[in-house]
C-alpha atoms as a PDB file:
ATOM      1  CA  MET A   1     143.598  39.467   5.953  1.00  0.00           C
ATOM      2  CA  ASN A   2     141.497  36.449   8.250  1.00  0.00           C
ATOM      3  CA  HIS A   3     138.395  37.049  10.042  1.00  0.00           C
ATOM      4  CA  ILE A   4     140.525  37.969  12.541  1.00  0.00           C
ATOM      5  CA  GLU A   5     142.876  40.553  11.795  1.00  0.00           C
ATOM      6  CA  LYS A   6     139.056  41.919   9.465  1.00  0.00           C
ATOM      7  CA  LYS A   7     137.765  42.816  13.116  1.00  0.00           C
ATOM      8  CA  HIS A   8     140.863  44.280  14.111  1.00  0.00           C
ATOM      9  CA  GLN A   9     141.199  46.639  11.488  1.00  0.00           C
ATOM     10  CA  LEU A  10     137.674  47.782  11.066  1.00  0.00           C
ATOM     11  CA  GLU A  11     137.078  48.286  15.175  1.00  0.00           C
ATOM     12  CA  LYS A  12     140.670  50.623  14.687  1.00  0.00           C
ATOM     13  CA  ILE A  13     138.974  52.079  12.246  1.00  0.00           C
ATOM     14  CA  ILE A  14     135.409  53.417  13.953  1.00  0.00           C
ATOM     15  CA  GLU A  15     137.489  53.845  17.283  1.00  0.00           C
ATOM     16  CA  LYS A  16     139.618  56.814  15.540  1.00  0.00           C
ATOM     17  CA  ILE A  17     136.661  58.431  13.486  1.00  0.00           C
ATOM     18  CA  LEU A  18     134.715  58.218  16.118  1.00  0.00           C
ATOM     19  CA  LEU A  19     135.924  58.455  19.745  1.00  0.00           C
ATOM     20  CA  PRO A  20     136.630  61.880  19.497  1.00  0.00           C
ATOM     21  CA  MET A  21     133.244  62.656  17.977  1.00  0.00           C
ATOM     22  CA  ILE A  22     131.992  61.817  21.503  1.00  0.00           C
ATOM     23  CA  ASP A  23     133.734  64.569  23.884  1.00  0.00           C
ATOM     24  CA  ASN A  24     130.518  64.718  26.347  1.00  0.00           C
ATOM     25  CA  ASP A  25     127.999  62.996  27.898  1.00  0.00           C
ATOM     26  CA  TYR A  26     125.451  61.365  25.623  1.00  0.00           C
ATOM     27  CA  VAL A  27     121.855  59.786  25.008  1.00  0.00           C
ATOM     28  CA  LEU A  28     121.512  56.088  22.810  1.00  0.00           C
ATOM     29  CA  TYR A  29     118.244  56.445  21.113  1.00  0.00           C
ATOM     30  CA  GLY A  30     116.573  54.582  18.829  1.00  0.00           C
ATOM     31  CA  LEU A  31     117.539  51.075  20.299  1.00  0.00           C
ATOM     32  CA  PRO A  32     116.099  47.714  18.747  1.00  0.00           C
ATOM     33  CA  TYR A  33     113.407  46.617  20.733  1.00  0.00           C
ATOM     34  CA  TYR A  34     112.477  44.319  18.076  1.00  0.00           C
ATOM     35  CA  ASN A  35     114.138  40.606  17.530  1.00  0.00           C
ATOM     36  CA  ASN A  36     116.073  41.252  14.131  1.00  0.00           C
ATOM     37  CA  ILE A  37     119.079  40.141  15.463  1.00  0.00           C
ATOM     38  CA  GLY A  38     121.926  42.610  13.354  1.00  0.00           C
ATOM     39  CA  ASP A  39     120.141  45.055  15.192  1.00  0.00           C
ATOM     40  CA  THR A  40     120.932  43.920  18.407  1.00  0.00           C
ATOM     41  CA  LEU A  41     124.864  42.626  16.676  1.00  0.00           C
ATOM     42  CA  ILE A  42     125.250  46.191  16.366  1.00  0.00           C
ATOM     43  CA  TRP A  43     123.513  47.389  19.663  1.00  0.00           C
ATOM     44  CA  ASN A  44     126.283  45.464  21.207  1.00  0.00           C
ATOM     45  CA  GLY A  45     128.899  46.966  19.301  1.00  0.00           C
ATOM     46  CA  GLU A  46     128.123  50.406  20.320  1.00  0.00           C
ATOM     47  CA  LEU A  47     127.567  49.469  23.936  1.00  0.00           C
ATOM     48  CA  GLU A  48     131.302  48.401  23.871  1.00  0.00           C
ATOM     49  CA  LEU A  49     133.019  51.139  21.822  1.00  0.00           C
ATOM     50  CA  LEU A  50     131.333  53.496  24.525  1.00  0.00           C
ATOM     51  CA  LYS A  51     132.867  51.479  27.321  1.00  0.00           C
ATOM     52  CA  LYS A  52     135.961  53.291  26.360  1.00  0.00           C
ATOM     53  CA  VAL A  53     134.237  56.656  26.188  1.00  0.00           C
ATOM     54  CA  ARG A  54     134.985  58.882  29.651  1.00  0.00           C
ATOM     55  CA  HIS A  55     131.531  60.871  29.631  1.00  0.00           C
ATOM     56  CA  LYS A  56     128.677  58.962  30.579  1.00  0.00           C
ATOM     57  CA  CYS A  57     125.574  57.602  28.758  1.00  0.00           C
ATOM     58  CA  VAL A  58     122.369  60.487  30.845  1.00  0.00           C
ATOM     59  CA  GLY A  59     119.722  58.533  28.482  1.00  0.00           C
ATOM     60  CA  VAL A  60     119.011  56.093  25.779  1.00  0.00           C
ATOM     61  CA  CYS A  61     115.174  55.076  24.434  1.00  0.00           C
ATOM     62  CA  GLY A  62     113.603  52.957  22.011  1.00  0.00           C
ATOM     63  CA  TRP A  63     113.136  53.180  18.231  1.00  0.00           C
ATOM     64  CA  ASN A  64     109.768  53.823  18.515  1.00  0.00           C
ATOM     65  CA  SER A  65     109.805  55.568  21.694  1.00  0.00           C
ATOM     66  CA  TYR A  66     111.872  59.002  21.493  1.00  0.00           C
ATOM     67  CA  PRO A  67     111.340  61.414  24.532  1.00  0.00           C
ATOM     68  CA  ARG A  68     109.698  64.758  23.348  1.00  0.00           C
ATOM     69  CA  THR A  69     112.205  66.588  26.521  1.00  0.00           C
ATOM     70  CA  LYS A  70     114.508  69.894  25.105  1.00  0.00           C
ATOM     71  CA  LEU A  71     117.790  68.735  26.441  1.00  0.00           C
ATOM     72  CA  PRO A  72     120.934  69.975  27.745  1.00  0.00           C
ATOM     73  CA  LYS A  73     122.858  71.747  24.617  1.00  0.00           C
ATOM     74  CA  ASN A  74     126.201  69.686  25.523  1.00  0.00           C
ATOM     75  CA  ILE A  75     124.356  66.757  25.369  1.00  0.00           C
ATOM     76  CA  ILE A  76     125.013  64.473  22.178  1.00  0.00           C
ATOM     77  CA  ILE A  77     123.041  62.627  20.644  1.00  0.00           C
ATOM     78  CA  LEU A  78     123.832  59.432  19.344  1.00  0.00           C
ATOM     79  CA  VAL A  79     121.770  57.462  17.216  1.00  0.00           C
ATOM     80  CA  THR A  80     122.391  53.867  17.052  1.00  0.00           C
ATOM     81  CA  GLY A  81     123.005  52.783  13.574  1.00  0.00           C
ATOM     82  CA  GLY A  82     121.378  50.400  10.855  1.00  0.00           C
ATOM     83  CA  GLY A  83     119.876  50.183   7.841  1.00  0.00           C
ATOM     84  CA  TYR A  84     117.313  52.076   7.598  1.00  0.00           C
ATOM     85  CA  PHE A  85     117.584  55.937   6.706  1.00  0.00           C
ATOM     86  CA  GLY A  86     115.835  56.717   2.924  1.00  0.00           C
ATOM     87  CA  ASP A  87     112.016  55.056   2.533  1.00  0.00           C
ATOM     88  CA  ILE A  88     112.591  51.417   2.863  1.00  0.00           C
ATOM     89  CA  TRP A  89     112.100  51.028   6.428  1.00  0.00           C
ATOM     90  CA  ARG A  90     110.451  55.143   6.620  1.00  0.00           C
ATOM     91  CA  TYR A  91     108.441  53.553   9.944  1.00  0.00           C
ATOM     92  CA  GLY A  92     112.184  53.596  11.580  1.00  0.00           C
ATOM     93  CA  TRP A  93     113.209  56.281   9.881  1.00  0.00           C
ATOM     94  CA  GLU A  94     110.040  58.776  10.676  1.00  0.00           C
ATOM     95  CA  SER A  95     111.213  57.913  14.323  1.00  0.00           C
ATOM     96  CA  VAL A  96     114.369  59.405  13.987  1.00  0.00           C
ATOM     97  CA  LEU A  97     113.552  62.594  12.287  1.00  0.00           C
ATOM     98  CA  ASP A  98     110.470  63.420  14.867  1.00  0.00           C
ATOM     99  CA  GLY A  99     112.425  62.211  17.597  1.00  0.00           C
ATOM    100  CA  ILE A 100     116.021  64.590  17.254  1.00  0.00           C
ATOM    101  CA  GLU A 101     113.347  67.150  16.284  1.00  0.00           C
ATOM    102  CA  PRO A 102     113.117  68.993  19.554  1.00  0.00           C
ATOM    103  CA  ASN A 103     116.956  69.183  20.043  1.00  0.00           C
ATOM    104  CA  LYS A 104     117.545  70.375  16.443  1.00  0.00           C
ATOM    105  CA  ASP A 105     120.916  72.694  17.822  1.00  0.00           C
ATOM    106  CA  ASN A 106     122.449  69.493  19.992  1.00  0.00           C
ATOM    107  CA  ARG A 107     124.986  67.245  18.041  1.00  0.00           C
ATOM    108  CA  ILE A 108     123.521  64.544  16.181  1.00  0.00           C
ATOM    109  CA  ILE A 109     124.917  61.636  15.103  1.00  0.00           C
ATOM    110  CA  ILE A 110     123.842  59.164  13.194  1.00  0.00           C
ATOM    111  CA  LEU A 111     125.906  56.378  13.758  1.00  0.00           C
ATOM    112  CA  PRO A 112     126.575  53.447  10.291  1.00  0.00           C
ATOM    113  CA  ASN A 113     123.916  53.311   8.307  1.00  0.00           C
ATOM    114  CA  THR A 114     123.253  52.112   4.859  1.00  0.00           C
ATOM    115  CA  ILE A 115     121.154  54.959   2.909  1.00  0.00           C
ATOM    116  CA  GLY A 116     118.127  53.809   0.718  1.00  0.00           C
ATOM    117  CA  TYR A 117     115.674  56.336  -1.403  1.00  0.00           C
ATOM    118  CA  MET A 118     113.222  54.672  -3.753  1.00  0.00           C
ATOM    119  CA  ASN A 119     111.657  57.825  -3.734  1.00  0.00           C
ATOM    120  CA  GLU A 120     113.400  60.845  -4.860  1.00  0.00           C
ATOM    121  CA  LYS A 121     110.826  63.663  -3.592  1.00  0.00           C
ATOM    122  CA  LEU A 122     110.666  62.281  -0.417  1.00  0.00           C
ATOM    123  CA  ARG A 123     114.716  62.497  -0.550  1.00  0.00           C
ATOM    124  CA  ASP A 124     114.804  66.143  -0.660  1.00  0.00           C
ATOM    125  CA  THR A 125     112.051  66.439   1.308  1.00  0.00           C
ATOM    126  CA  ASP A 126     114.278  64.712   3.352  1.00  0.00           C
ATOM    127  CA  ALA A 127     117.643  66.363   3.203  1.00  0.00           C
ATOM    128  CA  ALA A 128     115.266  69.824   3.569  1.00  0.00           C
ATOM    129  CA  TYR A 129     114.323  68.766   6.504  1.00  0.00           C
ATOM    130  CA  LEU A 130     118.320  67.467   7.781  1.00  0.00           C
ATOM    131  CA  ALA A 131     119.706  70.654   6.971  1.00  0.00           C
ATOM    132  CA  GLN A 132     117.696  72.702   9.895  1.00  0.00           C
ATOM    133  CA  PHE A 133     119.783  71.052  11.802  1.00  0.00           C
ATOM    134  CA  PRO A 134     123.154  72.595  11.682  1.00  0.00           C
ATOM    135  CA  ASN A 135     125.668  69.771  13.883  1.00  0.00           C
ATOM    136  CA  LEU A 136     124.164  66.728  12.736  1.00  0.00           C
ATOM    137  CA  THR A 137     126.317  64.357  11.366  1.00  0.00           C
ATOM    138  CA  ILE A 138     125.551  61.418   8.839  1.00  0.00           C
ATOM    139  CA  CYS A 139     127.843  57.878   9.256  1.00  0.00           C
ATOM    140  CA  THR A 140     127.497  56.073   6.401  1.00  0.00           C
ATOM    141  CA  ARG A 141     128.730  52.002   6.023  1.00  0.00           C
ATOM    142  CA  ASP A 142     129.527  51.553   3.020  1.00  0.00           C
ATOM    143  CA  ASN A 143     130.900  54.117  -0.135  1.00  0.00           C
ATOM    144  CA  ILE A 144     127.921  53.635  -2.014  1.00  0.00           C
ATOM    145  CA  SER A 145     126.034  55.869   0.772  1.00  0.00           C
ATOM    146  CA  TYR A 146     128.581  57.584   1.516  1.00  0.00           C
ATOM    147  CA  GLN A 147     128.335  59.166  -1.813  1.00  0.00           C
ATOM    148  CA  TYR A 148     125.129  59.461  -1.918  1.00  0.00           C
ATOM    149  CA  ALA A 149     124.583  61.259   1.728  1.00  0.00           C
ATOM    150  CA  ARG A 150     127.500  64.069  -0.244  1.00  0.00           C
ATOM    151  CA  GLN A 151     125.839  64.575  -3.308  1.00  0.00           C
ATOM    152  CA  TYR A 152     121.980  64.848  -1.752  1.00  0.00           C
ATOM    153  CA  PHE A 153     122.528  66.461   1.937  1.00  0.00           C
ATOM    154  CA  SER A 154     124.180  69.158   2.963  1.00  0.00           C
ATOM    155  CA  ASN A 155     125.004  67.878   5.828  1.00  0.00           C
ATOM    156  CA  ASN A 156     128.634  66.351   7.968  1.00  0.00           C
ATOM    157  CA  THR A 157     129.133  62.896   6.052  1.00  0.00           C
ATOM    158  CA  VAL A 158     131.941  60.199   6.963  1.00  0.00           C
ATOM    159  CA  LEU A 159     132.824  56.960   6.568  1.00  0.00           C
ATOM    160  CA  VAL A 160     132.215  54.514   9.413  1.00  0.00           C
ATOM    161  CA  PRO A 161     132.214  50.592   9.306  1.00  0.00           C
ATOM    162  CA  ASP A 162     129.795  49.076  10.383  1.00  0.00           C
ATOM    163  CA  MET A 163     129.181  49.116  14.912  1.00  0.00           C
ATOM    164  CA  ALA A 164     129.135  45.327  14.991  1.00  0.00           C
ATOM    165  CA  PHE A 165     132.265  44.743  15.045  1.00  0.00           C
ATOM    166  CA  CYS A 166     133.049  46.507  18.034  1.00  0.00           C
ATOM    167  CA  MET A 167     130.986  43.254  19.782  1.00  0.00           C
ATOM    168  CA  SER A 168     133.390  41.664  22.215  1.00  0.00           C
ATOM    169  CA  GLU A 169     135.838  39.235  21.050  1.00  0.00           C
ATOM    170  CA  ARG A 170     136.032  37.567  23.854  1.00  0.00           C
ATOM    171  CA  PHE A 171     132.780  36.330  23.996  1.00  0.00           C
ATOM    172  CA  LEU A 172     132.475  35.711  19.799  1.00  0.00           C
ATOM    173  CA  ASN A 173     135.445  33.742  20.648  1.00  0.00           C
ATOM    174  CA  ARG A 174     134.022  31.856  23.077  1.00  0.00           C
ATOM    175  CA  TRP A 175     131.377  30.417  20.045  1.00  0.00           C
ATOM    176  CA  ALA A 176     133.716  30.468  16.864  1.00  0.00           C
ATOM    177  CA  ASN A 177     135.764  27.932  18.815  1.00  0.00           C
ATOM    178  CA  LYS A 178     133.158  25.793  18.864  1.00  0.00           C
ATOM    179  CA  LYS A 179     133.349  23.224  16.720  1.00  0.00           C
ATOM    180  CA  ALA A 180     130.479  23.400  13.788  1.00  0.00           C
ATOM    181  CA  SER A 181     128.051  20.804  14.694  1.00  0.00           C
ATOM    182  CA  LYS A 182     125.944  20.795  11.060  1.00  0.00           C
ATOM    183  CA  GLY A 183     127.353  21.984   7.774  1.00  0.00           C
ATOM    184  CA  VAL A 184     125.754  24.435   4.541  1.00  0.00           C
ATOM    185  CA  LEU A 185     122.971  27.005   6.220  1.00  0.00           C
ATOM    186  CA  LEU A 186     121.269  29.171   3.284  1.00  0.00           C
ATOM    187  CA  PHE A 187     120.802  32.140   5.158  1.00  0.00           C
ATOM    188  CA  LYS A 188     117.586  33.441   3.472  1.00  0.00           C
ATOM    189  CA  ARG A 189     115.698  36.710   4.832  1.00  0.00           C
ATOM    190  CA  ASN A 190     111.621  36.812   4.005  1.00  0.00           C
ATOM    191  CA  ASP A 191     110.755  40.045   4.104  1.00  0.00           C
ATOM    192  CA  LYS A 192     111.050  43.081   1.671  1.00  0.00           C
ATOM    193  CA  GLU A 193     114.596  43.332   1.184  1.00  0.00           C
ATOM    194  CA  CYS A 194     114.804  39.764   0.034  1.00  0.00           C
ATOM    195  CA  PRO A 195     116.056  39.611  -3.949  1.00  0.00           C
ATOM    196  CA  ASP A 196     113.834  38.449  -6.126  1.00  0.00           C
ATOM    197  CA  ILE A 197     116.269  35.172  -7.211  1.00  0.00           C
ATOM    198  CA  ASP A 198     116.115  31.203  -8.129  1.00  0.00           C
ATOM    199  CA  PHE A 199     119.127  30.635  -4.828  1.00  0.00           C
ATOM    200  CA  LYS A 200     121.019  28.463  -7.214  1.00  0.00           C
ATOM    201  CA  ILE A 201     123.814  27.027  -4.480  1.00  0.00           C
ATOM    202  CA  ASP A 202     126.254  24.602  -5.174  1.00  0.00           C
ATOM    203  CA  GLU A 203     125.799  22.367  -2.049  1.00  0.00           C
ATOM    204  CA  LYS A 204     123.678  18.934  -1.995  1.00  0.00           C
ATOM    205  CA  GLU A 205     122.438  19.103   1.644  1.00  0.00           C
ATOM    206  CA  TYR A 206     121.605  22.352   3.124  1.00  0.00           C
ATOM    207  CA  ASP A 207     119.033  24.393   5.679  1.00  0.00           C
ATOM    208  CA  ILE A 208     117.145  27.825   4.503  1.00  0.00           C
ATOM    209  CA  HIS A 209     116.259  29.774   7.765  1.00  0.00           C
ATOM    210  CA  ASP A 210     116.415  33.372   8.391  1.00  0.00           C
ATOM    211  CA  TRP A 211     117.218  34.796  12.034  1.00  0.00           C
ATOM    212  CA  LEU A 212     115.038  32.347  14.166  1.00  0.00           C
ATOM    213  CA  PRO A 213     113.061  34.605  16.384  1.00  0.00           C
ATOM    214  CA  MET A 214     111.962  36.321  13.256  1.00  0.00           C
ATOM    215  CA  GLU A 215     111.037  32.511  11.731  1.00  0.00           C
ATOM    216  CA  ARG A 216     108.416  31.382  15.048  1.00  0.00           C
ATOM    217  CA  ASP A 217     107.528  32.240  18.738  1.00  0.00           C
ATOM    218  CA  LEU A 218     109.879  31.171  20.652  1.00  0.00           C
ATOM    219  CA  PRO A 219     108.828  30.781  24.028  1.00  0.00           C
ATOM    220  CA  SER A 220     111.655  33.372  25.314  1.00  0.00           C
ATOM    221  CA  GLU A 221     110.154  36.232  24.174  1.00  0.00           C
ATOM    222  CA  HIS A 222     106.526  35.050  25.927  1.00  0.00           C
ATOM    223  CA  TYR A 223     108.699  34.849  28.687  1.00  0.00           C
ATOM    224  CA  PHE A 224     110.380  38.520  28.063  1.00  0.00           C
ATOM    225  CA  LYS A 225     106.511  40.310  26.876  1.00  0.00           C
ATOM    226  CA  SER A 226     105.205  38.636  29.990  1.00  0.00           C
ATOM    227  CA  VAL A 227     107.082  40.763  32.715  1.00  0.00           C
ATOM    228  CA  LEU A 228     107.301  44.177  30.366  1.00  0.00           C
ATOM    229  CA  ARG A 229     103.514  43.703  31.007  1.00  0.00           C
ATOM    230  CA  ARG A 230     104.171  43.130  34.595  1.00  0.00           C
ATOM    231  CA  LEU A 231     106.119  46.535  34.682  1.00  0.00           C
ATOM    232  CA  HIS A 232     102.540  48.425  33.941  1.00  0.00           C
ATOM    233  CA  TYR A 233     101.519  47.490  37.692  1.00  0.00           C
ATOM    234  CA  LEU A 234     105.026  50.027  38.738  1.00  0.00           C
ATOM    235  CA  LYS A 235     102.061  52.451  38.160  1.00  0.00           C
ATOM    236  CA  TYR A 236      99.980  51.546  40.584  1.00  0.00           C
ATOM    237  CA  LEU A 237     101.911  51.385  43.238  1.00  0.00           C
ATOM    238  CA  GLY A 238     103.373  54.851  42.842  1.00  0.00           C
ATOM    239  CA  ALA A 239     106.212  54.262  40.609  1.00  0.00           C
ATOM    240  CA  ASP A 240     107.918  56.683  38.345  1.00  0.00           C
ATOM    241  CA  THR A 241     110.405  53.987  36.723  1.00  0.00           C
ATOM    242  CA  SER A 242     108.829  52.175  34.488  1.00  0.00           C
ATOM    243  CA  VAL A 243     109.737  53.522  31.495  1.00  0.00           C
ATOM    244  CA  LYS A 244     113.348  52.986  33.083  1.00  0.00           C
ATOM    245  CA  ALA A 245     112.691  50.044  34.118  1.00  0.00           C
ATOM    246  CA  GLU A 246     111.670  49.062  30.389  1.00  0.00           C
ATOM    247  CA  ASP A 247     115.069  49.988  29.766  1.00  0.00           C
ATOM    248  CA  ILE A 248     116.895  47.661  31.528  1.00  0.00           C
ATOM    249  CA  LEU A 249     114.978  44.876  31.191  1.00  0.00           C
ATOM    250  CA  TYR A 250     115.695  45.179  26.638  1.00  0.00           C
ATOM    251  CA  LYS A 251     119.790  46.095  27.813  1.00  0.00           C
ATOM    252  CA  ASN A 252     120.442  43.114  30.541  1.00  0.00           C
ATOM    253  CA  TYR A 253     117.846  40.419  29.401  1.00  0.00           C
ATOM    254  CA  TYR A 254     116.595  41.149  25.807  1.00  0.00           C
ATOM    255  CA  ARG A 255     119.551  42.165  24.060  1.00  0.00           C
ATOM    256  CA  ARG A 256     121.709  39.348  25.557  1.00  0.00           C
ATOM    257  CA  LEU A 257     119.052  36.910  24.591  1.00  0.00           C
ATOM    258  CA  MET A 258     119.249  37.651  20.704  1.00  0.00           C
ATOM    259  CA  THR A 259     122.661  38.071  20.733  1.00  0.00           C
ATOM    260  CA  LEU A 260     122.772  33.889  22.158  1.00  0.00           C
ATOM    261  CA  LEU A 261     120.377  33.269  19.940  1.00  0.00           C
ATOM    262  CA  GLY A 262     122.683  34.802  16.610  1.00  0.00           C
ATOM    263  CA  VAL A 263     125.543  33.330  17.915  1.00  0.00           C
ATOM    264  CA  LYS A 264     124.389  29.674  18.381  1.00  0.00           C
ATOM    265  CA  GLN A 265     123.018  29.758  15.291  1.00  0.00           C
ATOM    266  CA  LEU A 266     125.459  30.586  12.758  1.00  0.00           C
ATOM    267  CA  SER A 267     128.294  29.046  14.491  1.00  0.00           C
ATOM    268  CA  ALA A 268     126.441  25.620  14.082  1.00  0.00           C
ATOM    269  CA  TYR A 269     127.775  25.537  10.781  1.00  0.00           C
ATOM    270  CA  SER A 270     130.454  25.418   8.945  1.00  0.00           C
ATOM    271  CA  LYS A 271     129.521  27.240   5.542  1.00  0.00           C
ATOM    272  CA  ILE A 272     126.552  30.062   5.117  1.00  0.00           C
ATOM    273  CA  TYR A 273     125.119  31.828   2.362  1.00  0.00           C
ATOM    274  CA  THR A 274     123.753  34.642   3.444  1.00  0.00           C
ATOM    275  CA  THR A 275     121.339  37.189   2.082  1.00  0.00           C
ATOM    276  CA  ARG A 276     121.426  39.516   5.411  1.00  0.00           C
ATOM    277  CA  LEU A 277     124.396  41.598   6.091  1.00  0.00           C
ATOM    278  CA  HIS A 278     124.740  41.008   9.076  1.00  0.00           C
ATOM    279  CA  ALA A 279     124.804  36.878   9.105  1.00  0.00           C
ATOM    280  CA  MET A 280     127.961  38.539   7.170  1.00  0.00           C
ATOM    281  CA  ILE A 281     129.087  40.286   9.149  1.00  0.00           C
ATOM    282  CA  LEU A 282     128.320  37.520  12.070  1.00  0.00           C
ATOM    283  CA  GLY A 283     129.597  35.228  10.067  1.00  0.00           C
ATOM    284  CA  LEU A 284     132.342  36.221   9.417  1.00  0.00           C
ATOM    285  CA  MET A 285     133.786  36.962  13.103  1.00  0.00           C
ATOM    286  CA  LEU A 286     133.046  33.890  13.666  1.00  0.00           C
ATOM    287  CA  GLY A 287     135.727  32.364  11.302  1.00  0.00           C
ATOM    288  CA  ARG A 288     132.835  30.390   9.565  1.00  0.00           C
ATOM    289  CA  ASP A 289     133.633  29.965   5.382  1.00  0.00           C
ATOM    290  CA  ILE A 290     130.569  32.899   4.266  1.00  0.00           C
ATOM    291  CA  VAL A 291     129.149  33.389   0.862  1.00  0.00           C
ATOM    292  CA  MET A 292     127.564  36.296   0.243  1.00  0.00           C
ATOM    293  CA  ILE A 293     123.645  36.584  -2.351  1.00  0.00           C
ATOM    294  CA  ASP A 294     123.502  40.600  -2.334  1.00  0.00           C
ATOM    295  CA  ASN A 295     119.927  41.764  -1.220  1.00  0.00           C
ATOM    296  CA  ASN A 296     117.440  43.375  -3.394  1.00  0.00           C
ATOM    297  CA  TYR A 297     118.747  46.823  -3.998  1.00  0.00           C
ATOM    298  CA  GLY A 298     122.754  46.424  -3.530  1.00  0.00           C
ATOM    299  CA  LYS A 299     123.361  46.617   0.705  1.00  0.00           C
ATOM    300  CA  LEU A 300     125.925  43.679   1.205  1.00  0.00           C
ATOM    301  CA  SER A 301     127.143  44.021  -2.303  1.00  0.00           C
ATOM    302  CA  SER A 302     128.340  47.858  -1.657  1.00  0.00           C
ATOM    303  CA  TYR A 303     129.252  47.037   2.009  1.00  0.00           C
ATOM    304  CA  TYR A 304     131.355  43.412   0.804  1.00  0.00           C
ATOM    305  CA  ASP A 305     133.081  46.592  -1.697  1.00  0.00           C
ATOM    306  CA  THR A 306     134.013  48.526  -0.006  1.00  0.00           C
ATOM    307  CA  TRP A 307     136.013  46.829   4.053  1.00  0.00           C
ATOM    308  CA  LEU A 308     135.335  43.202   2.745  1.00  0.00           C
ATOM    309  CA  THR A 309     137.280  42.612  -0.470  1.00  0.00           C
ATOM    310  CA  ASP A 310     140.302  41.395   1.052  1.00  0.00           C
ATOM    311  CA  CYS A 311     138.609  38.970   3.770  1.00  0.00           C
ATOM    312  CA  ASP A 312     140.449  35.216   3.552  1.00  0.00           C
ATOM    313  CA  ASN A 313     136.383  33.394   4.542  1.00  0.00           C
ATOM    314  CA  VAL A 314     133.818  35.753   2.414  1.00  0.00           C
ATOM    315  CA  THR A 315     133.096  35.550  -1.055  1.00  0.00           C
ATOM    316  CA  VAL A 316     130.724  36.659  -3.703  1.00  0.00           C
ATOM    317  CA  MET A 317     127.817  34.061  -5.408  1.00  0.00           C
ATOM    318  CA  LYS A 318     128.811  33.920  -9.091  1.00  0.00           C
END
């Protein structure tokens, strides 16, 4: 199956499962107001899917700024997807747990996630806590996470592909159709998920990078942060829209900036060895030759085994 067919296949699965579940007005919480481009790709896919929902979004928030207000009972809470569920990125997961607490009885959908726990006691504590949410659905994006959630969590659990596969095909094709200007990229993450291995790849010459905004400060990010700081002065003008203005800036400027940086970076290469899940996913959708290198707890291999074994342009490094 080629990369276009694969995107269509996974996008249809997402739509079939999630669209019927979003049958009322909703909020979209936990958005990635930071420079991990992979999480921004998820956000893009969520926005594209929600364009097909007849109901409206009545609120948004960043990953660490959940409102403490009580929502009307009919409002659905959508929590953005990713890889934060568990104790590996604990601060982010605790933000979710704390953020949904004021609305325990609302319908809550945690969008597709990888689950990762190292501490079994903490897992059981989280499972007992989430058992208090009668209308919560956990969406997992790989079979291992799905089986894990069914074993240890009592909430409704479904298996759904990563939301980035809902990204605009028209936008992606503009970059997929550009001829690669560089050869080979080793996309090596530089955080706690990096595998402890010797990266012996069969290439004479190659570049080594993570997402560029995570490697160095970029002028575009400095500009954005300077604009954000100026929003503070709205308070002194009697305005009460500073939070809304911040959300608008993140959606309409920062999200687009991160997305553009990501597609420019990966589309420049003809072949990509990657330790990051979303470099695999984005590179796949751009039609590049992808070689998967697993992270240190099996996130990439589990996703690959669940959805991508029949995709022509993705292979596994031996």
